[in-house]
Amino acid sequence: MLPYRRDWAGVLACLLGIAGSRAGLAQVTHEDWRPPLPAGYTTDLPSATCSNMTFWAISPDGTTVYGSNAAAPTDAFTQDQISEACAVRLGTMSSLRKPGGLDTWGWPRNACADGALIVGGSLLSWDATNGAKMRPTMWSLGFSGFLMNPPSGASGEGLATDISWDSSTVVGWMVRNLGAGNFIEPIRWFSFSPIPLPHGSRPEDISGLVAAVSGNGQRSVGILGQINASGAWTRWHSVYWDNGAPGPVDLPFTMIPAGTPSGCPIGLTSAGTDVRVSYDGSVIAFASAACTDSVGGATPWWVVRWQGGVATPLVGMTTITGMNLDGTVIVGTSGGDACAGSVARIWDAMHGVRDLRDAIMADFGADPIGPFPSSVLTVPRGISSDGRTIVGAVLRNCATNPATANATAGTIIRLPNSVCPKPTVFVLPSTPYACWKGSVTMTAGGSGATSYQWRRNGIPLSNLAGHIAGATTSSLTISNAGTDDAVYYDCVGSNACGGTISTARQLTVCTADFNCSGRPNAVAVDDIFAFLTAWFALDPRADINGIGGITVPDIFAFLTAWFAGC
């Protein structure tokens, strides 16, 4: 089952037949957002303009959805006909108005925890040649929007991309003019004061943008690099900035997913828009590209989920549009013809990437687009922090006339309240340690798990005689530990409600602790004598450099490790 919530026992009982049938399932509701508006909803607009709204996102608490109407810019549109920004909060629909109180056309991006404040971009200018230029904007529902303060020397052009749950921190970018041309400045607004973020020491990092911020406001994620005269990114790399710490910091991948071009780093796409960060900043998920740090563009890649220094590709999902509180549920899309089949996707640790409609039907026994059997669920745009509410759009008329298929003006899928908790999982010890060729045991603590899967650098482990034991139990033992074992380990604890990934722990393997005396006095003169005894006895443990045989270079390798300490 999908780990949407921590309280699912009722759903579990129904799916297992304990309740006798699926009749006891709470109903999955679907709100088709087309005129006339669903019952119980009102509008503060003189017309039903926003009723053609396509939802872009949802507030963390699930009370507010926001987006823009279905109009798209063409040569026939004036700038005030491009895309009206709208929001629905607690059953009331509002037009998000630009400074001065006039109707605005723009792009709402993200909201604070309760949806009362929304950030994004309102229209600065538009023409058929150059398209739309935006300006960073914040809207307070029920009031006019206001522009975010620019830093000294910045133009009015830019975008506010994200806001912390408590609304104290807003991130985004603005355009500066250097005289020789424009460049993009990554910005963090704290209490509405603009703070340009550092670019680092690389001379090519003259431009940058911040794409997302953690819910607690402490970690900002974006890109740094170069843009050409046409405004296109030609070279960039992924970074994050932590409040109160030196920065920026490159996203530290300990592995490059298999199948990427040789030597190519994986990073955020140059648009830097498809990025989500968990509340505490420990999980970052983004639509990615390979070769991002090479001149000449990048190769499209899968969505990547980064945690604890490990990058895991979510194969089958090419864009990310939403993530829950702790990064255990992600929604997005795959490519392809929407009418030929759903492109909506959802990922969780237990199942991996699945078709969203199929997943909901399998887990809840209900069709999320219920009354519209010829429709195709195509674009999930966001998910609430508890994973219970998903917003997006469907295509209709696919079965009757695919050529005229059109999106609904927004779809809200509300998954049922129920009582089936996911497990809680943590790994002890928090700083695992093994002496040279010794053993270490890590234990998964917590509650509620009925099965376990240990992972190494995000890859599931299997038992290996004499080396790995307990890969699918609550205790993992690594024997005959060597330097190759000094990586990150985590545990996925699962039950019928879903899976929970523990925090990754890095194993220290101390080569110099040859006699396995352990901490706190792991490295001592006795270790030298123990090593030399083994070396003269041709003990296989004395093969420090791992090339086979007991040779003089092993002595130098051991002494190097001994002087380095642990």
Protein backbone atom coordinates (compact mmCIF):
# COMPACT_ATOMS: atom_id res chain seq x y z
CA MET A 1 0.00 0.00 0.00
CA LEU A 2 1.05 3.58 -0.51
CA PRO A 3 2.42 5.31 2.59
CA TYR A 4 0.13 8.30 2.26
CA ARG A 5 -0.67 8.54 5.95
CA ARG A 6 0.28 7.16 9.31
CA ASP A 7 -3.24 5.93 10.18
CA TRP A 8 -4.51 3.21 7.86
CA ALA A 9 -5.74 0.21 9.89
CA GLY A 10 -9.29 0.53 8.50
CA VAL A 11 -8.05 0.40 4.91
CA LEU A 12 -5.73 -2.49 5.75
CA ALA A 13 -8.61 -4.45 7.27
CA CYS A 14 -10.71 -3.97 4.16
CA LEU A 15 -7.96 -4.94 1.75
CA LEU A 16 -7.16 -8.09 3.71
CA GLY A 17 -10.80 -9.09 3.81
CA ILE A 18 -11.03 -8.69 7.59
CA ALA A 19 -13.96 -6.34 7.16
CA GLY A 20 -15.63 -8.80 4.83
CA SER A 21 -15.53 -6.77 1.63
CA ARG A 22 -14.33 -3.53 0.07
CA ALA A 23 -17.65 -1.92 0.96
CA GLY A 24 -16.11 -0.63 4.19
CA LEU A 25 -13.51 1.49 2.38
CA ALA A 26 -13.72 5.22 2.89
CA GLN A 27 -14.53 6.85 -0.42
CA VAL A 28 -11.84 8.32 -2.66
CA THR A 29 -13.40 11.60 -3.76
CA HIS A 30 -12.74 13.40 -7.00
CA GLU A 31 -13.66 17.04 -7.65
CA ASP A 32 -13.84 17.94 -11.33
CA TRP A 33 -13.14 21.68 -11.46
CA ARG A 34 -15.28 22.87 -14.36
CA PRO A 35 -18.27 25.20 -14.39
CA PRO A 36 -20.53 24.94 -12.53
CA LEU A 37 -18.30 24.90 -9.45
CA PRO A 38 -18.59 21.94 -7.06
CA ALA A 39 -21.21 22.27 -4.35
CA GLY A 40 -20.08 24.26 -1.33
CA TYR A 41 -17.58 26.43 -3.20
CA THR A 42 -17.96 30.16 -3.70
CA THR A 43 -16.09 32.77 -5.71
CA ASP A 44 -15.18 36.36 -4.94
CA LEU A 45 -14.94 37.12 -8.66
CA PRO A 46 -17.55 38.97 -10.70
CA SER A 47 -17.25 36.21 -13.29
CA ALA A 48 -16.28 32.55 -13.26
CA THR A 49 -12.92 33.23 -14.93
CA CYS A 50 -10.95 31.14 -12.43
CA SER A 51 -13.31 28.21 -12.80
CA ASN A 52 -11.17 27.14 -15.79
CA MET A 53 -8.21 26.94 -13.43
CA THR A 54 -5.51 24.30 -13.76
CA PHE A 55 -3.97 23.66 -10.36
CA TRP A 56 -0.24 24.10 -10.07
CA ALA A 57 0.23 23.14 -6.42
CA ILE A 58 -1.30 22.67 -2.97
CA SER A 59 -0.39 24.08 0.43
CA PRO A 60 1.30 21.65 2.86
CA ASP A 61 -1.83 21.41 5.04
CA GLY A 62 -4.05 20.65 2.02
CA THR A 63 -6.45 23.58 2.56
CA THR A 64 -5.38 25.73 -0.39
CA VAL A 65 -4.90 24.95 -4.07
CA TYR A 66 -3.67 27.48 -6.56
CA GLY A 67 -2.74 27.82 -10.20
CA SER A 68 -3.81 29.61 -13.34
CA ASN A 69 -6.57 29.44 -15.87
CA ALA A 70 -6.26 27.39 -19.02
CA ALA A 71 -5.49 30.28 -21.38
CA ALA A 72 -2.16 30.06 -23.21
CA PRO A 73 -0.28 32.97 -24.83
CA THR A 74 -0.51 33.33 -28.61
CA ASP A 75 -0.05 36.24 -30.96
CA ALA A 76 -3.75 37.01 -30.60
CA PHE A 77 -3.54 37.48 -26.82
CA THR A 78 -2.87 40.78 -25.14
CA GLN A 79 -0.65 40.64 -22.07
CA ASP A 80 -3.70 40.76 -19.79
CA GLN A 81 -5.12 37.64 -21.41
CA ILE A 82 -2.23 35.28 -20.87
CA SER A 83 -2.89 33.42 -17.64
CA GLU A 84 -4.90 34.57 -14.66
CA ALA A 85 -3.49 33.51 -11.30
CA CYS A 86 -6.12 32.04 -8.97
CA ALA A 87 -6.39 30.26 -5.66
CA VAL A 88 -9.00 28.34 -3.67
CA ARG A 89 -8.70 28.40 0.13
CA LEU A 90 -11.16 26.82 2.53
CA GLY A 91 -13.82 26.65 -0.18
CA THR A 92 -13.51 30.22 -1.48
CA MET A 93 -12.01 30.96 -4.88
CA SER A 94 -9.95 34.12 -5.27
CA SER A 95 -8.17 35.89 -8.08
CA LEU A 96 -4.60 36.70 -7.08
CA ARG A 97 -4.33 40.38 -7.86
CA LYS A 98 -1.24 42.37 -8.73
CA PRO A 99 -0.13 45.51 -6.84
CA GLY A 100 -2.73 48.22 -7.30
CA GLY A 101 -5.62 45.79 -6.97
CA LEU A 102 -6.03 45.04 -10.67
CA ASP A 103 -6.46 41.52 -11.96
CA THR A 104 -3.13 39.84 -12.45
CA TRP A 105 -1.90 37.23 -14.84
CA GLY A 106 0.96 35.23 -13.48
CA TRP A 107 2.40 32.05 -12.06
CA PRO A 108 1.76 31.07 -8.42
CA ARG A 109 4.45 28.58 -7.37
CA ASN A 110 4.29 27.60 -3.67
CA ALA A 111 2.53 28.48 -0.42
CA CYS A 112 3.32 28.59 3.29
CA ALA A 113 1.96 25.85 5.58
CA ASP A 114 -1.67 27.03 5.77
CA GLY A 115 -1.85 28.56 2.29
CA ALA A 116 -2.43 32.12 3.51
CA LEU A 117 0.62 33.42 1.63
CA ILE A 118 1.55 32.35 -1.90
CA VAL A 119 4.69 33.24 -3.85
CA GLY A 120 5.43 33.15 -7.55
CA GLY A 121 5.63 35.63 -10.41
CA SER A 122 3.29 38.25 -11.80
CA LEU A 123 3.59 39.41 -15.37
CA LEU A 124 6.16 42.13 -16.06
CA SER A 125 5.93 42.05 -19.85
CA TRP A 126 5.07 39.71 -22.67
CA ASP A 127 5.47 39.60 -26.42
CA ALA A 128 5.32 36.87 -29.03
CA THR A 129 9.07 36.97 -29.64
CA ASN A 130 10.48 36.97 -26.11
CA GLY A 131 7.57 35.41 -24.23
CA ALA A 132 6.71 36.34 -20.67
CA LYS A 133 8.96 38.10 -18.18
CA MET A 134 7.97 37.73 -14.55
CA ARG A 135 8.61 39.66 -11.35
CA PRO A 136 8.82 38.06 -7.88
CA THR A 137 5.48 38.43 -6.15
CA MET A 138 3.77 37.42 -2.91
CA TRP A 139 0.01 37.22 -2.56
CA SER A 140 -1.96 37.35 0.66
CA LEU A 141 -5.33 35.79 -0.09
CA GLY A 142 -8.10 38.33 0.01
CA PHE A 143 -5.68 41.19 -0.62
CA SER A 144 -3.60 42.52 -3.49
CA GLY A 145 -0.24 41.00 -4.24
CA PHE A 146 2.96 42.89 -3.61
CA LEU A 147 6.38 42.73 -5.24
CA MET A 148 9.35 41.25 -3.39
CA ASN A 149 12.09 43.79 -2.66
CA PRO A 150 15.01 43.55 -5.11
CA PRO A 151 18.63 43.69 -3.92
CA SER A 152 20.72 46.68 -4.91
CA GLY A 153 21.39 46.74 -8.65
CA ALA A 154 18.76 44.19 -9.60
CA SER A 155 16.10 44.76 -12.21
CA GLY A 156 12.45 44.01 -11.60
CA GLU A 157 12.59 40.72 -13.49
CA GLY A 158 12.70 37.44 -11.61
CA LEU A 159 10.65 34.81 -9.81
CA ALA A 160 9.89 33.81 -6.23
CA THR A 161 10.03 30.03 -6.38
CA ASP A 162 9.30 28.77 -2.84
CA ILE A 163 8.41 29.80 0.72
CA SER A 164 9.06 28.19 4.11
CA TRP A 165 6.18 26.82 6.14
CA ASP A 166 6.27 29.74 8.60
CA SER A 167 6.58 32.24 5.68
CA SER A 168 9.76 33.83 7.12
CA THR A 169 11.91 32.70 4.17
CA VAL A 170 11.24 33.12 0.45
CA VAL A 171 13.69 32.03 -2.26
CA GLY A 172 14.04 32.67 -5.98
CA TRP A 173 16.09 34.75 -8.37
CA MET A 174 16.34 38.19 -9.97
CA VAL A 175 18.16 39.65 -12.98
CA ARG A 176 21.12 41.98 -12.50
CA ASN A 177 22.89 44.10 -15.12
CA LEU A 178 26.70 44.04 -15.10
CA GLY A 179 27.13 46.51 -17.93
CA ALA A 180 28.44 43.80 -20.23
CA GLY A 181 25.19 41.87 -19.95
CA ASN A 182 22.67 40.39 -17.58
CA PHE A 183 23.16 37.61 -15.10
CA ILE A 184 20.85 35.87 -12.67
CA GLU A 185 21.24 36.36 -8.93
CA PRO A 186 20.14 33.62 -6.47
CA ILE A 187 18.12 35.31 -3.73
CA ARG A 188 16.84 34.43 -0.27
CA TRP A 189 14.38 36.87 1.27
CA PHE A 190 14.31 36.70 5.06
CA SER A 191 11.53 38.70 6.70
CA PHE A 192 11.09 40.30 3.24
CA SER A 193 14.70 41.59 3.11
CA PRO A 194 16.62 40.35 0.03
CA ILE A 195 19.88 38.45 0.64
CA PRO A 196 21.92 37.53 -2.46
CA LEU A 197 23.40 34.07 -1.91
CA PRO A 198 27.13 33.45 -2.46
CA HIS A 199 28.28 32.09 -5.81
CA GLY A 200 31.37 30.29 -4.53
CA SER A 201 34.90 30.41 -5.89
CA ARG A 202 34.41 28.94 -9.37
CA PRO A 203 34.89 31.75 -11.95
CA GLU A 204 32.24 30.31 -14.27
CA ASP A 205 29.55 30.51 -11.58
CA ILE A 206 28.40 34.00 -12.48
CA SER A 207 24.69 33.14 -12.48
CA GLY A 208 22.45 31.09 -10.25
CA LEU A 209 18.94 30.52 -9.03
CA VAL A 210 17.26 29.05 -5.97
CA ALA A 211 14.58 26.54 -6.89
CA ALA A 212 13.28 25.37 -3.50
CA VAL A 213 13.63 25.75 0.26
CA SER A 214 13.05 23.24 3.06
CA GLY A 215 9.88 23.63 5.10
CA ASN A 216 11.89 24.84 8.10
CA GLY A 217 13.61 27.46 5.93
CA GLN A 218 17.13 26.22 6.71
CA ARG A 219 18.24 24.70 3.38
CA SER A 220 17.93 26.30 -0.07
CA VAL A 221 18.56 24.28 -3.24
CA GLY A 222 19.41 25.52 -6.72
CA ILE A 223 22.02 25.79 -9.45
CA LEU A 224 25.08 27.89 -10.29
CA GLY A 225 26.68 28.28 -13.70
CA GLN A 226 26.71 30.21 -16.94
CA ILE A 227 24.07 31.60 -19.28
CA ASN A 228 24.64 32.79 -22.82
CA ALA A 229 23.54 36.01 -24.49
CA SER A 230 20.17 34.46 -25.32
CA GLY A 231 19.52 33.68 -21.67
CA ALA A 232 20.04 29.90 -22.04
CA TRP A 233 22.06 27.93 -19.50
CA THR A 234 25.13 26.36 -21.10
CA ARG A 235 26.96 25.03 -18.02
CA TRP A 236 25.75 24.53 -14.48
CA HIS A 237 25.94 22.37 -11.37
CA SER A 238 23.62 21.63 -8.45
CA VAL A 239 24.20 23.21 -5.05
CA TYR A 240 22.57 23.92 -1.73
CA TRP A 241 22.98 26.70 0.82
CA ASP A 242 22.47 26.11 4.55
CA ASN A 243 21.59 29.08 6.74
CA GLY A 244 24.49 30.15 8.94
CA ALA A 245 27.00 27.91 7.12
CA PRO A 246 29.54 28.64 4.39
CA GLY A 247 28.22 27.96 0.97
CA PRO A 248 27.36 27.02 -1.63
CA VAL A 249 27.88 23.25 -1.31
CA ASP A 250 27.75 20.89 -4.29
CA LEU A 251 25.15 18.17 -3.91
CA PRO A 252 27.51 15.34 -2.85
CA PHE A 253 26.61 12.23 -4.80
CA THR A 254 28.46 9.10 -3.68
CA MET A 255 27.37 7.24 -6.78
CA ILE A 256 26.44 8.00 -10.38
CA PRO A 257 23.35 6.01 -11.43
CA ALA A 258 24.09 3.23 -13.90
CA GLY A 259 23.49 4.13 -17.53
CA THR A 260 24.62 7.75 -17.44
CA PRO A 261 27.31 8.84 -19.87
CA SER A 262 30.78 8.11 -18.54
CA GLY A 263 32.07 10.83 -16.25
CA CYS A 264 28.92 12.92 -16.40
CA PRO A 265 27.59 14.34 -13.14
CA ILE A 266 23.87 14.21 -12.46
CA GLY A 267 22.20 17.46 -11.44
CA LEU A 268 19.16 19.68 -11.57
CA THR A 269 17.85 20.62 -14.99
CA SER A 270 18.82 24.10 -16.10
CA ALA A 271 15.24 25.29 -15.59
CA GLY A 272 15.70 24.50 -11.92
CA THR A 273 11.94 24.29 -11.45
CA ASP A 274 11.17 20.63 -10.78
CA VAL A 275 12.70 20.50 -7.27
CA ARG A 276 11.20 19.51 -3.92
CA VAL A 277 12.84 19.51 -0.47
CA SER A 278 11.58 17.71 2.63
CA TYR A 279 10.64 19.73 5.71
CA ASP A 280 14.02 19.17 7.42
CA GLY A 281 16.05 19.41 4.20
CA SER A 282 17.40 15.85 4.41
CA VAL A 283 15.65 14.68 1.21
CA ILE A 284 15.98 16.54 -2.10
CA ALA A 285 14.18 15.29 -5.20
CA PHE A 286 14.53 16.85 -8.62
CA ALA A 287 14.08 16.34 -12.33
CA SER A 288 17.64 15.76 -13.46
CA ALA A 289 19.99 15.91 -16.38
CA ALA A 290 23.32 14.22 -17.06
CA CYS A 291 26.48 16.12 -18.06
CA THR A 292 25.20 19.31 -16.42
CA ASP A 293 28.74 20.53 -15.79
CA SER A 294 29.81 20.16 -19.41
CA VAL A 295 29.67 22.79 -22.10
CA GLY A 296 26.95 22.20 -24.66
CA GLY A 297 23.86 21.35 -22.68
CA ALA A 298 22.74 18.25 -20.86
CA THR A 299 21.17 14.85 -21.43
CA PRO A 300 17.67 14.40 -19.92
CA TRP A 301 17.55 11.87 -17.10
CA TRP A 302 15.14 10.49 -14.53
CA VAL A 303 13.89 12.15 -11.38
CA VAL A 304 16.59 11.67 -8.74
CA ARG A 305 15.97 11.37 -4.99
CA TRP A 306 18.96 12.49 -2.91
CA GLN A 307 19.33 11.54 0.76
CA GLY A 308 22.42 11.18 2.92
CA GLY A 309 24.78 11.74 0.00
CA VAL A 310 23.17 8.98 -2.08
CA ALA A 311 21.43 9.74 -5.39
CA THR A 312 18.74 7.23 -6.37
CA PRO A 313 17.13 7.50 -9.85
CA LEU A 314 13.34 7.01 -9.86
CA VAL A 315 13.25 5.15 -13.17
CA GLY A 316 9.95 5.78 -14.97
CA MET A 317 9.39 9.31 -13.63
CA THR A 318 10.79 12.20 -15.67
CA THR A 319 9.32 15.23 -13.85
CA ILE A 320 8.56 15.83 -10.18
CA THR A 321 5.57 17.92 -9.14
CA GLY A 322 5.14 17.16 -5.44
CA MET A 323 6.59 15.48 -2.35
CA ASN A 324 5.16 14.82 1.10
CA LEU A 325 6.54 16.01 4.47
CA ASP A 326 9.43 13.56 4.85
CA GLY A 327 10.16 12.70 1.23
CA THR A 328 8.67 9.19 1.36
CA VAL A 329 5.99 9.86 -1.31
CA ILE A 330 6.72 11.66 -4.60
CA VAL A 331 4.36 12.46 -7.48
CA GLY A 332 5.29 13.40 -11.03
CA THR A 333 4.90 12.42 -14.66
CA SER A 334 6.48 10.39 -17.41
CA GLY A 335 6.69 11.30 -21.06
CA GLY A 336 4.42 10.11 -23.84
CA ASP A 337 1.02 10.62 -25.39
CA ALA A 338 -1.42 11.27 -22.53
CA CYS A 339 -4.40 9.91 -24.44
CA ALA A 340 -2.51 6.71 -25.20
CA GLY A 341 -2.13 6.06 -21.49
CA SER A 342 -1.77 7.81 -18.17
CA VAL A 343 1.50 9.64 -17.66
CA ALA A 344 0.82 10.40 -13.98
CA ARG A 345 3.29 8.67 -11.65
CA ILE A 346 3.77 8.12 -7.92
CA TRP A 347 6.79 6.74 -6.03
CA ASP A 348 7.16 5.25 -2.56
CA ALA A 349 9.91 3.15 -1.00
CA MET A 350 7.90 -0.08 -1.00
CA HIS A 351 6.63 -0.08 -4.59
CA GLY A 352 8.95 2.22 -6.51
CA VAL A 353 7.42 4.17 -9.42
CA ARG A 354 3.82 3.27 -10.34
CA ASP A 355 1.03 4.67 -12.46
CA LEU A 356 -0.90 6.98 -10.12
CA ARG A 357 -4.39 5.89 -11.15
CA ASP A 358 -3.45 2.20 -10.98
CA ALA A 359 -1.85 2.70 -7.56
CA ILE A 360 -4.93 4.36 -6.08
CA MET A 361 -7.25 1.73 -7.54
CA ALA A 362 -5.06 -1.08 -6.19
CA ASP A 363 -4.65 0.41 -2.73
CA PHE A 364 -8.13 1.86 -2.19
CA GLY A 365 -10.37 -0.04 -4.58
CA ALA A 366 -11.68 3.18 -6.14
CA ASP A 367 -11.08 4.97 -9.42
CA PRO A 368 -9.72 8.49 -8.75
CA ILE A 369 -11.43 9.89 -11.85
CA GLY A 370 -14.63 7.97 -11.07
CA PRO A 371 -17.46 9.65 -13.03
CA PHE A 372 -15.35 10.26 -16.15
CA PRO A 373 -14.44 6.78 -17.51
CA SER A 374 -13.12 8.13 -20.82
CA SER A 375 -10.70 10.46 -19.08
CA VAL A 376 -7.00 9.97 -18.46
CA LEU A 377 -5.27 11.19 -15.31
CA THR A 378 -2.30 13.06 -16.73
CA VAL A 379 -0.74 15.70 -14.51
CA PRO A 380 -0.50 15.49 -10.73
CA ARG A 381 0.63 18.99 -9.76
CA GLY A 382 1.13 18.60 -6.04
CA ILE A 383 0.57 16.57 -2.89
CA SER A 384 -0.16 17.69 0.66
CA SER A 385 2.36 17.07 3.44
CA ASP A 386 0.38 14.10 4.78
CA GLY A 387 0.05 12.60 1.29
CA ARG A 388 -3.76 12.55 1.48
CA THR A 389 -4.66 15.20 -1.11
CA ILE A 390 -3.36 15.26 -4.69
CA VAL A 391 -4.17 18.02 -7.17
CA GLY A 392 -3.73 18.12 -10.93
CA ALA A 393 -5.68 17.63 -14.13
CA VAL A 394 -7.20 14.98 -16.38
CA LEU A 395 -7.71 14.82 -20.11
CA ARG A 396 -11.28 14.25 -21.21
CA ASN A 397 -12.79 12.97 -24.47
CA CYS A 398 -9.77 10.75 -25.16
CA ALA A 399 -11.98 7.76 -25.98
CA THR A 400 -14.41 9.67 -28.21
CA ASN A 401 -12.16 12.20 -29.92
CA PRO A 402 -8.48 12.27 -28.92
CA ALA A 403 -7.81 15.18 -31.25
CA THR A 404 -10.06 17.44 -29.17
CA ALA A 405 -9.11 16.07 -25.74
CA ASN A 406 -8.98 18.86 -23.23
CA ALA A 407 -7.84 19.20 -19.63
CA THR A 408 -10.29 19.77 -16.86
CA ALA A 409 -9.84 23.06 -15.07
CA GLY A 410 -8.24 21.29 -12.14
CA THR A 411 -8.74 18.00 -10.33
CA ILE A 412 -8.57 17.34 -6.59
CA ILE A 413 -8.22 13.74 -5.37
CA ARG A 414 -8.83 13.30 -1.66
CA LEU A 415 -7.75 9.95 -0.25
CA PRO A 416 -9.62 8.53 2.73
CA ASN A 417 -8.92 9.01 6.41
CA SER A 418 -8.10 5.67 7.92
CA VAL A 419 -6.00 4.18 10.68
CA CYS A 420 -2.99 2.18 9.55
CA PRO A 421 0.41 3.55 10.61
CA LYS A 422 3.61 3.19 8.65
CA PRO A 423 6.53 1.84 10.67
CA THR A 424 9.02 4.05 12.45
CA VAL A 425 12.61 3.01 11.78
CA PHE A 426 15.99 4.18 13.03
CA VAL A 427 19.43 2.58 12.91
CA LEU A 428 21.71 1.96 15.90
CA PRO A 429 24.48 2.67 16.52
CA SER A 430 24.40 6.13 14.99
CA THR A 431 28.14 5.95 14.26
CA PRO A 432 28.84 2.29 13.35
CA TYR A 433 32.47 1.17 13.56
CA ALA A 434 34.50 -1.87 12.54
CA CYS A 435 38.14 -2.68 13.01
CA TRP A 436 40.20 -4.05 10.13
CA LYS A 437 38.64 -7.34 8.94
CA GLY A 438 36.41 -7.29 12.01
CA SER A 439 32.63 -7.41 12.32
CA VAL A 440 29.94 -4.84 13.02
CA THR A 441 26.21 -5.23 13.63
CA MET A 442 23.66 -2.51 12.90
CA THR A 443 20.15 -2.84 14.31
CA ALA A 444 16.89 -1.32 13.07
CA GLY A 445 14.95 0.07 16.00
CA GLY A 446 11.45 1.55 16.00
CA SER A 447 8.03 -0.02 15.79
CA GLY A 448 5.45 -1.38 13.37
CA ALA A 449 7.72 -3.00 10.76
CA THR A 450 6.92 -6.54 9.61
CA SER A 451 9.74 -6.78 7.08
CA TYR A 452 13.12 -5.19 6.60
CA GLN A 453 15.49 -4.45 3.75
CA TRP A 454 18.95 -3.07 4.42
CA ARG A 455 20.54 -0.92 1.74
CA ARG A 456 24.09 0.09 0.91
CA ASN A 457 24.35 3.53 -0.71
CA GLY A 458 20.65 3.23 -1.53
CA ILE A 459 21.01 -0.20 -3.19
CA PRO A 460 19.29 -3.21 -1.55
CA LEU A 461 21.72 -5.68 0.05
CA SER A 462 21.68 -9.47 -0.25
CA ASN A 463 23.29 -11.96 2.11
CA LEU A 464 26.80 -13.05 1.15
CA ALA A 465 28.46 -15.94 2.98
CA GLY A 466 31.27 -14.78 5.23
CA HIS A 467 30.54 -11.12 4.62
CA ILE A 468 26.87 -9.99 4.78
CA ALA A 469 24.23 -11.53 7.06
CA GLY A 470 20.72 -10.39 8.00
CA ALA A 471 20.09 -8.24 4.89
CA THR A 472 16.31 -8.74 5.27
CA THR A 473 16.09 -8.86 9.06
CA SER A 474 16.16 -6.20 11.78
CA SER A 475 19.92 -6.73 12.35
CA LEU A 476 22.59 -6.44 9.68
CA THR A 477 26.05 -7.94 10.34
CA ILE A 478 29.06 -7.14 8.18
CA SER A 479 32.02 -9.47 8.71
CA ASN A 480 35.55 -9.33 7.33
CA ALA A 481 35.06 -5.55 6.94
CA GLY A 482 37.38 -3.70 4.57
CA THR A 483 37.70 -0.21 3.20
CA ASP A 484 35.10 -0.93 0.48
CA ASP A 485 32.51 -1.39 3.24
CA ALA A 486 33.01 2.14 4.61
CA VAL A 487 29.87 3.59 2.95
CA TYR A 488 26.31 4.61 3.92
CA TYR A 489 23.75 2.09 5.20
CA ASP A 490 20.05 2.52 5.84
CA CYS A 491 17.10 0.23 6.49
CA VAL A 492 13.63 0.20 4.89
CA GLY A 493 11.08 -1.02 7.42
CA SER A 494 7.74 -1.97 5.86
CA ASN A 495 4.27 -3.17 6.71
CA ALA A 496 0.99 -3.35 4.79
CA CYS A 497 0.65 0.43 5.05
CA GLY A 498 3.93 1.27 3.37
CA GLY A 499 7.64 1.62 3.94
CA THR A 500 9.81 3.99 5.95
CA ILE A 501 13.47 4.67 5.15
CA SER A 502 15.73 5.24 8.13
CA THR A 503 18.39 7.92 8.24
CA ALA A 504 21.53 6.64 6.53
CA ARG A 505 24.53 5.87 8.76
CA GLN A 506 28.12 5.90 7.52
CA LEU A 507 30.24 2.94 8.58
CA THR A 508 33.81 3.67 9.67
CA VAL A 509 36.28 0.87 8.99
CA CYS A 510 39.53 1.53 10.87
CA THR A 511 42.42 -0.10 9.01
CA ALA A 512 44.90 0.93 11.72
CA ASP A 513 42.92 -0.89 14.46
CA PHE A 514 44.55 -4.18 13.53
CA ASN A 515 44.19 -5.84 16.96
CA CYS A 516 40.52 -4.78 17.14
CA SER A 517 40.91 -3.03 20.49
CA GLY A 518 38.11 -0.65 19.46
CA ARG A 519 37.39 2.91 20.42
CA PRO A 520 38.32 5.15 22.19
CA ASN A 521 41.92 3.85 21.98
CA ALA A 522 41.62 2.14 18.63
CA VAL A 523 45.05 3.10 17.28
CA ALA A 524 48.09 2.26 19.40
CA VAL A 525 51.63 0.88 19.10
CA ASP A 526 50.24 -2.59 19.81
CA ASP A 527 48.52 -2.48 16.42
CA ILE A 528 51.91 -2.23 14.69
CA PHE A 529 53.19 -5.31 16.49
CA ALA A 530 49.95 -7.18 15.73
CA PHE A 531 50.24 -6.29 12.04
CA LEU A 532 53.91 -7.31 11.80
CA THR A 533 53.15 -10.63 13.49
CA ALA A 534 50.44 -11.30 10.92
CA TRP A 535 52.67 -10.11 8.06
CA PHE A 536 55.53 -12.48 8.96
CA ALA A 537 52.99 -15.31 9.39
CA LEU A 538 51.60 -14.54 5.89
CA ASP A 539 48.16 -14.05 7.46
CA PRO A 540 45.67 -12.94 4.73
CA ARG A 541 44.57 -10.10 7.06
CA ALA A 542 47.98 -8.48 6.40
CA ASP A 543 47.04 -7.86 2.73
CA ILE A 544 46.29 -4.19 3.44
CA ASN A 545 46.47 -2.90 -0.13
CA GLY A 546 44.12 -5.63 -1.37
CA ILE A 547 46.09 -6.61 -4.43
CA GLY A 548 46.74 -10.17 -3.25
CA GLY A 549 49.72 -11.69 -1.48
CA ILE A 550 51.65 -10.41 1.54
CA THR A 551 54.29 -7.98 0.31
CA VAL A 552 56.42 -5.06 1.47
CA PRO A 553 53.94 -2.49 0.05
CA ASP A 554 51.41 -3.79 2.59
CA ILE A 555 53.72 -2.55 5.37
CA PHE A 556 53.77 0.95 3.89
CA ALA A 557 49.99 0.85 3.36
CA PHE A 558 49.43 -0.11 7.00
CA LEU A 559 51.81 2.52 8.38
CA THR A 560 50.10 5.18 6.25
CA ALA A 561 46.73 4.19 7.76
CA TRP A 562 48.23 4.02 11.27
CA PHE A 563 49.66 7.53 11.14
CA ALA A 564 46.35 8.82 9.69
CA GLY A 565 44.45 7.38 12.66
CA CYS A 566 40.72 6.76 12.82
